[in-house]
Amino acid sequence: MAELPADLDRPDTPAVSGMHAPLHHVTTTIIVVGIIACVVRIIIVVVVVVVVVVVVVAGPKETPGEESSSVMEAVMETESLQRSPL
């Protein structure tokens, strides 16, 4: 049997260097990273709210009209966390 000029049983050729990732892989990666970032943000907000509620409930009793310094610190910490970029 004569050998064919095109060897159809050869192994797969290696990937060409410099090939870009398919667009759907890039899109999937962006969506997954966005979802993870949103979930982390939600977790941080929930933790901060729980901490503030615990501080307010368990904090020392003040006379009406006075605000506890620990409550003010918790509020300031909450605002600084919400303003800081992730």
C-alpha atoms as a PDB file:
ATOM      1  CA  MET A   1       0.000   0.000   0.000  1.00  0.00           C
ATOM      2  CA  ALA A   2       1.367   3.411  -0.909  1.00  0.00           C
ATOM      3  CA  GLU A   3       1.875   6.003   1.772  1.00  0.00           C
ATOM      4  CA  LEU A   4      -0.444   8.994   1.542  1.00  0.00           C
ATOM      5  CA  PRO A   5       1.053  12.472   1.467  1.00  0.00           C
ATOM      6  CA  ALA A   6      -1.290  13.524   4.319  1.00  0.00           C
ATOM      7  CA  ASP A   7      -0.624  11.444   7.418  1.00  0.00           C
ATOM      8  CA  LEU A   8      -4.109  11.244   8.958  1.00  0.00           C
ATOM      9  CA  ASP A   9      -2.980   9.253  12.009  1.00  0.00           C
ATOM     10  CA  ARG A  10      -0.503  11.845  13.308  1.00  0.00           C
ATOM     11  CA  PRO A  11      -0.872  13.202  16.847  1.00  0.00           C
ATOM     12  CA  ASP A  12      -2.588  16.543  17.406  1.00  0.00           C
ATOM     13  CA  THR A  13      -0.435  19.520  16.643  1.00  0.00           C
ATOM     14  CA  PRO A  14       0.566  21.688  19.611  1.00  0.00           C
ATOM     15  CA  ALA A  15      -1.351  24.888  20.248  1.00  0.00           C
ATOM     16  CA  VAL A  16      -0.077  27.917  18.426  1.00  0.00           C
ATOM     17  CA  SER A  17       1.594  30.320  20.832  1.00  0.00           C
ATOM     18  CA  GLY A  18      -0.064  33.679  21.124  1.00  0.00           C
ATOM     19  CA  MET A  19      -3.596  32.389  20.654  1.00  0.00           C
ATOM     20  CA  HIS A  20      -6.172  34.335  22.635  1.00  0.00           C
ATOM     21  CA  ALA A  21      -8.743  32.760  24.923  1.00  0.00           C
ATOM     22  CA  PRO A  22     -12.152  32.323  23.329  1.00  0.00           C
ATOM     23  CA  LEU A  23     -14.548  35.161  24.009  1.00  0.00           C
ATOM     24  CA  HIS A  24     -16.997  33.014  25.967  1.00  0.00           C
ATOM     25  CA  HIS A  25     -14.220  32.025  28.411  1.00  0.00           C
ATOM     26  CA  VAL A  26     -13.389  35.682  29.003  1.00  0.00           C
ATOM     27  CA  THR A  27     -17.060  36.549  29.460  1.00  0.00           C
ATOM     28  CA  THR A  28     -17.594  33.686  31.888  1.00  0.00           C
ATOM     29  CA  THR A  29     -14.577  34.749  33.922  1.00  0.00           C
ATOM     30  CA  ILE A  30     -15.803  38.348  34.155  1.00  0.00           C
ATOM     31  CA  ILE A  31     -19.267  37.235  35.254  1.00  0.00           C
ATOM     32  CA  VAL A  32     -17.915  34.825  37.888  1.00  0.00           C
ATOM     33  CA  VAL A  33     -15.556  37.451  39.314  1.00  0.00           C
ATOM     34  CA  GLY A  34     -18.408  39.985  39.416  1.00  0.00           C
ATOM     35  CA  ILE A  35     -20.692  37.574  41.254  1.00  0.00           C
ATOM     36  CA  ILE A  36     -17.975  36.712  43.779  1.00  0.00           C
ATOM     37  CA  ALA A  37     -17.279  40.412  44.388  1.00  0.00           C
ATOM     38  CA  CYS A  38     -20.988  41.087  45.015  1.00  0.00           C
ATOM     39  CA  VAL A  39     -21.283  38.150  47.400  1.00  0.00           C
ATOM     40  CA  VAL A  40     -18.222  39.313  49.350  1.00  0.00           C
ATOM     41  CA  ARG A  41     -19.659  42.815  49.565  1.00  0.00           C
ATOM     42  CA  ILE A  42     -22.975  41.506  50.859  1.00  0.00           C
ATOM     43  CA  ILE A  43     -21.195  39.397  53.480  1.00  0.00           C
ATOM     44  CA  ILE A  44     -19.175  42.406  54.663  1.00  0.00           C
ATOM     45  CA  VAL A  45     -22.305  44.575  54.958  1.00  0.00           C
ATOM     46  CA  VAL A  46     -24.176  41.856  56.867  1.00  0.00           C
ATOM     47  CA  VAL A  47     -21.271  41.388  59.294  1.00  0.00           C
ATOM     48  CA  VAL A  48     -21.002  45.129  59.893  1.00  0.00           C
ATOM     49  CA  VAL A  49     -24.746  45.435  60.496  1.00  0.00           C
ATOM     50  CA  VAL A  50     -24.680  42.520  62.951  1.00  0.00           C
ATOM     51  CA  VAL A  51     -21.730  44.058  64.797  1.00  0.00           C
ATOM     52  CA  VAL A  52     -23.492  47.424  65.022  1.00  0.00           C
ATOM     53  CA  VAL A  53     -26.685  45.803  66.290  1.00  0.00           C
ATOM     54  CA  VAL A  54     -24.759  43.814  68.907  1.00  0.00           C
ATOM     55  CA  VAL A  55     -22.897  46.935  70.025  1.00  0.00           C
ATOM     56  CA  VAL A  56     -26.128  48.924  70.283  1.00  0.00           C
ATOM     57  CA  VAL A  57     -27.989  46.186  72.144  1.00  0.00           C
ATOM     58  CA  ALA A  58     -25.156  45.151  74.470  1.00  0.00           C
ATOM     59  CA  GLY A  59     -23.713  48.619  74.929  1.00  0.00           C
ATOM     60  CA  PRO A  60     -23.891  50.503  78.211  1.00  0.00           C
ATOM     61  CA  LYS A  61     -27.149  52.260  78.974  1.00  0.00           C
ATOM     62  CA  GLU A  62     -26.869  55.995  78.531  1.00  0.00           C
ATOM     63  CA  THR A  63     -29.207  58.711  79.658  1.00  0.00           C
ATOM     64  CA  PRO A  64     -31.673  59.782  76.972  1.00  0.00           C
ATOM     65  CA  GLY A  65     -30.191  62.448  74.763  1.00  0.00           C
ATOM     66  CA  GLU A  66     -26.597  61.187  75.039  1.00  0.00           C
ATOM     67  CA  GLU A  67     -25.105  58.908  72.423  1.00  0.00           C
ATOM     68  CA  SER A  68     -22.592  56.285  73.371  1.00  0.00           C
ATOM     69  CA  SER A  69     -19.121  56.785  71.963  1.00  0.00           C
ATOM     70  CA  SER A  70     -18.997  53.092  71.032  1.00  0.00           C
ATOM     71  CA  VAL A  71     -22.108  53.524  68.878  1.00  0.00           C
ATOM     72  CA  MET A  72     -20.546  56.516  67.177  1.00  0.00           C
ATOM     73  CA  GLU A  73     -17.352  54.529  66.555  1.00  0.00           C
ATOM     74  CA  ALA A  74     -19.361  51.674  65.060  1.00  0.00           C
ATOM     75  CA  VAL A  75     -21.230  54.068  62.775  1.00  0.00           C
ATOM     76  CA  MET A  76     -17.971  55.682  61.651  1.00  0.00           C
ATOM     77  CA  GLU A  77     -16.442  52.255  61.016  1.00  0.00           C
ATOM     78  CA  THR A  78     -19.482  51.218  58.973  1.00  0.00           C
ATOM     79  CA  GLU A  79     -19.270  54.340  56.842  1.00  0.00           C
ATOM     80  CA  SER A  80     -15.541  53.931  56.258  1.00  0.00           C
ATOM     81  CA  LEU A  81     -16.027  50.301  55.183  1.00  0.00           C
ATOM     82  CA  GLN A  82     -18.794  51.229  52.781  1.00  0.00           C
ATOM     83  CA  ARG A  83     -16.727  53.987  51.198  1.00  0.00           C
ATOM     84  CA  SER A  84     -13.552  51.971  50.764  1.00  0.00           C
ATOM     85  CA  PRO A  85     -13.174  50.317  47.316  1.00  0.00           C
ATOM     86  CA  LEU A  86     -12.861  46.535  47.184  1.00  0.00           C
END
